[in-house]
Protein backbone atom coordinates (compact mmCIF):
# COMPACT_ATOMS: atom_id res chain seq x y z
CA MET A 1 -24.24 13.41 -112.54
CA SER A 2 -22.32 11.11 -114.75
CA HIS A 3 -19.68 12.48 -116.45
CA ASP A 4 -20.69 10.98 -119.80
CA VAL A 5 -24.01 12.92 -119.26
CA LEU A 6 -22.08 16.16 -119.00
CA GLU A 7 -19.59 15.11 -121.76
CA ALA A 8 -22.22 14.50 -123.97
CA ALA A 9 -24.05 17.43 -123.65
CA GLY A 10 -20.87 19.57 -124.40
CA VAL A 11 -20.17 20.61 -120.47
CA THR A 12 -16.51 20.99 -120.02
CA THR A 13 -17.03 21.45 -115.93
CA PRO A 14 -15.05 18.47 -114.26
CA ALA A 15 -18.27 16.15 -113.30
CA ALA A 16 -16.51 16.13 -109.79
CA VAL A 17 -17.28 19.91 -109.42
CA VAL A 18 -20.96 19.60 -110.32
CA GLU A 19 -21.28 16.38 -108.11
CA ILE A 20 -19.53 18.03 -104.81
CA LEU A 21 -21.85 21.36 -105.45
CA HIS A 22 -24.76 19.00 -105.45
CA GLU A 23 -23.43 17.11 -101.93
CA ALA A 24 -22.69 20.03 -100.59
CA GLU A 25 -26.02 21.74 -101.21
CA ARG A 26 -27.65 18.42 -99.81
CA ALA A 27 -25.62 18.47 -96.74
CA SER A 28 -26.07 22.25 -95.81
CA THR A 29 -29.91 21.84 -96.07
CA ALA A 30 -29.76 18.91 -93.95
CA CYS A 31 -27.83 20.57 -91.51
CA ALA A 32 -29.91 24.00 -91.57
CA SER A 33 -33.14 21.28 -90.79
CA ALA A 34 -31.18 19.82 -87.57
CA MET A 35 -30.07 23.14 -86.29
CA VAL A 36 -33.46 24.51 -86.50
CA GLY A 37 -34.51 21.73 -84.68
CA ALA A 38 -31.88 22.01 -81.87
CA GLY A 39 -32.80 26.00 -81.73
CA GLY A 40 -30.66 29.05 -80.88
CA MET A 41 -28.14 28.59 -84.17
CA GLU A 42 -30.04 31.37 -86.07
CA ARG A 43 -26.67 32.56 -87.84
CA GLU A 44 -25.81 29.00 -88.71
CA VAL A 45 -28.89 28.28 -89.95
CA LEU A 46 -28.63 31.11 -92.05
CA LEU A 47 -25.64 30.63 -93.29
CA ALA A 48 -26.12 26.93 -94.35
CA LEU A 49 -29.26 28.01 -96.46
CA ASP A 50 -26.92 30.61 -98.25
CA CYS A 51 -24.46 27.99 -98.88
CA ALA A 52 -27.46 25.50 -99.72
CA ASP A 53 -28.86 27.90 -102.30
CA LEU A 54 -25.48 29.14 -104.13
CA CYS A 55 -24.06 25.77 -104.41
CA SER A 56 -27.48 24.77 -105.80
CA ALA A 57 -27.54 27.55 -108.35
CA ALA A 58 -23.59 27.01 -109.15
CA ALA A 59 -24.04 23.65 -109.81
CA ARG A 60 -26.84 24.52 -112.33
CA VAL A 61 -24.51 26.63 -113.95
CA LEU A 62 -21.70 24.83 -114.27
CA GLY A 63 -23.72 21.72 -115.28
CA ARG A 64 -24.70 23.01 -118.55
CA ARG A 65 -22.68 24.80 -121.41
CA HIS A 66 -22.24 28.30 -120.29
CA GLY A 67 -21.73 31.43 -122.95
CA ASP A 68 -20.10 33.76 -120.20
CA GLU A 69 -16.89 32.63 -118.40
CA ALA A 70 -17.51 35.82 -115.88
CA VAL A 71 -20.81 34.36 -114.71
CA ALA A 72 -19.73 30.89 -114.31
CA ARG A 73 -16.86 32.36 -112.08
CA ALA A 74 -19.01 34.78 -110.39
CA ALA A 75 -21.50 31.71 -109.72
CA VAL A 76 -18.47 29.37 -108.38
CA GLU A 77 -16.71 32.62 -106.46
CA ALA A 78 -20.25 32.72 -104.77
CA ALA A 79 -20.51 29.30 -103.69
CA MET A 80 -16.86 28.88 -102.60
CA LEU A 81 -17.44 31.88 -100.14
CA ALA A 82 -20.76 30.63 -98.85
CA CYS A 83 -19.45 27.16 -98.32
CA GLU A 84 -16.40 28.55 -96.55
CA ALA A 85 -18.24 30.78 -94.04
CA SER A 86 -20.82 28.03 -93.73
CA SER A 87 -18.08 25.43 -92.87
CA ALA A 88 -16.18 27.71 -90.38
CA ALA A 89 -19.66 28.03 -88.79
CA CYS A 90 -20.78 24.51 -88.28
CA GLY A 91 -17.27 23.62 -87.80
CA ALA A 92 -17.51 25.17 -84.08
CA HIS A 93 -20.44 22.69 -83.42
CA ALA A 94 -18.55 19.83 -85.29
CA GLY A 95 -17.88 18.09 -81.13
CA HIS A 96 -21.41 18.30 -80.21
CA HIS A 97 -23.81 17.69 -83.54
CA GLU A 98 -22.80 15.11 -85.98
CA HIS A 99 -24.84 17.03 -88.64
CA CYS A 100 -22.27 19.91 -88.00
CA ARG A 101 -19.25 17.81 -88.30
CA ARG A 102 -20.26 15.90 -91.63
CA HIS A 103 -21.68 19.77 -93.02
CA SER A 104 -18.51 21.11 -92.08
CA GLU A 105 -16.18 18.59 -93.82
CA ILE A 106 -18.23 18.71 -96.91
CA THR A 107 -18.63 22.26 -97.70
CA ARG A 108 -14.77 22.70 -96.93
CA ASP A 109 -14.03 19.95 -99.37
CA ALA A 110 -16.29 21.56 -101.75
CA ALA A 111 -14.37 25.24 -100.90
CA ALA A 112 -11.35 23.58 -101.63
CA LEU A 113 -12.02 21.94 -104.63
CA LEU A 114 -13.65 25.09 -106.12
CA ARG A 115 -10.74 26.87 -105.24
CA GLU A 116 -8.49 24.36 -107.14
CA GLN A 117 -10.66 24.95 -110.22
CA GLY A 118 -9.85 28.45 -110.31
CA GLY A 119 -12.28 29.86 -107.88
CA GLY A 120 -9.96 32.12 -106.14
């Protein structure tokens, strides 16, 4: 999503935040799919799917003008917590699975940016 599109729509959320949420969603979905194929990582799959869903929801909320700051903060907080949990879980497999390494890095970066933007 381009910064110009967000600005023209009156969205005040930095474009980098919306973009990293979309990136975390894609990485989480891809990693969950790969883990299902590998088998034996049910907890990690569930955390990755939670992360994908919460990042997607937060990106949608933050990618538009919002009327309730508390709702926006809650969306950011939920996505940040999901990113942290999923990053930690997949990080434990980063040495064995490239998809886990990349997913862990992206969600760690997303959580850090969300925290920096005031998510907790």
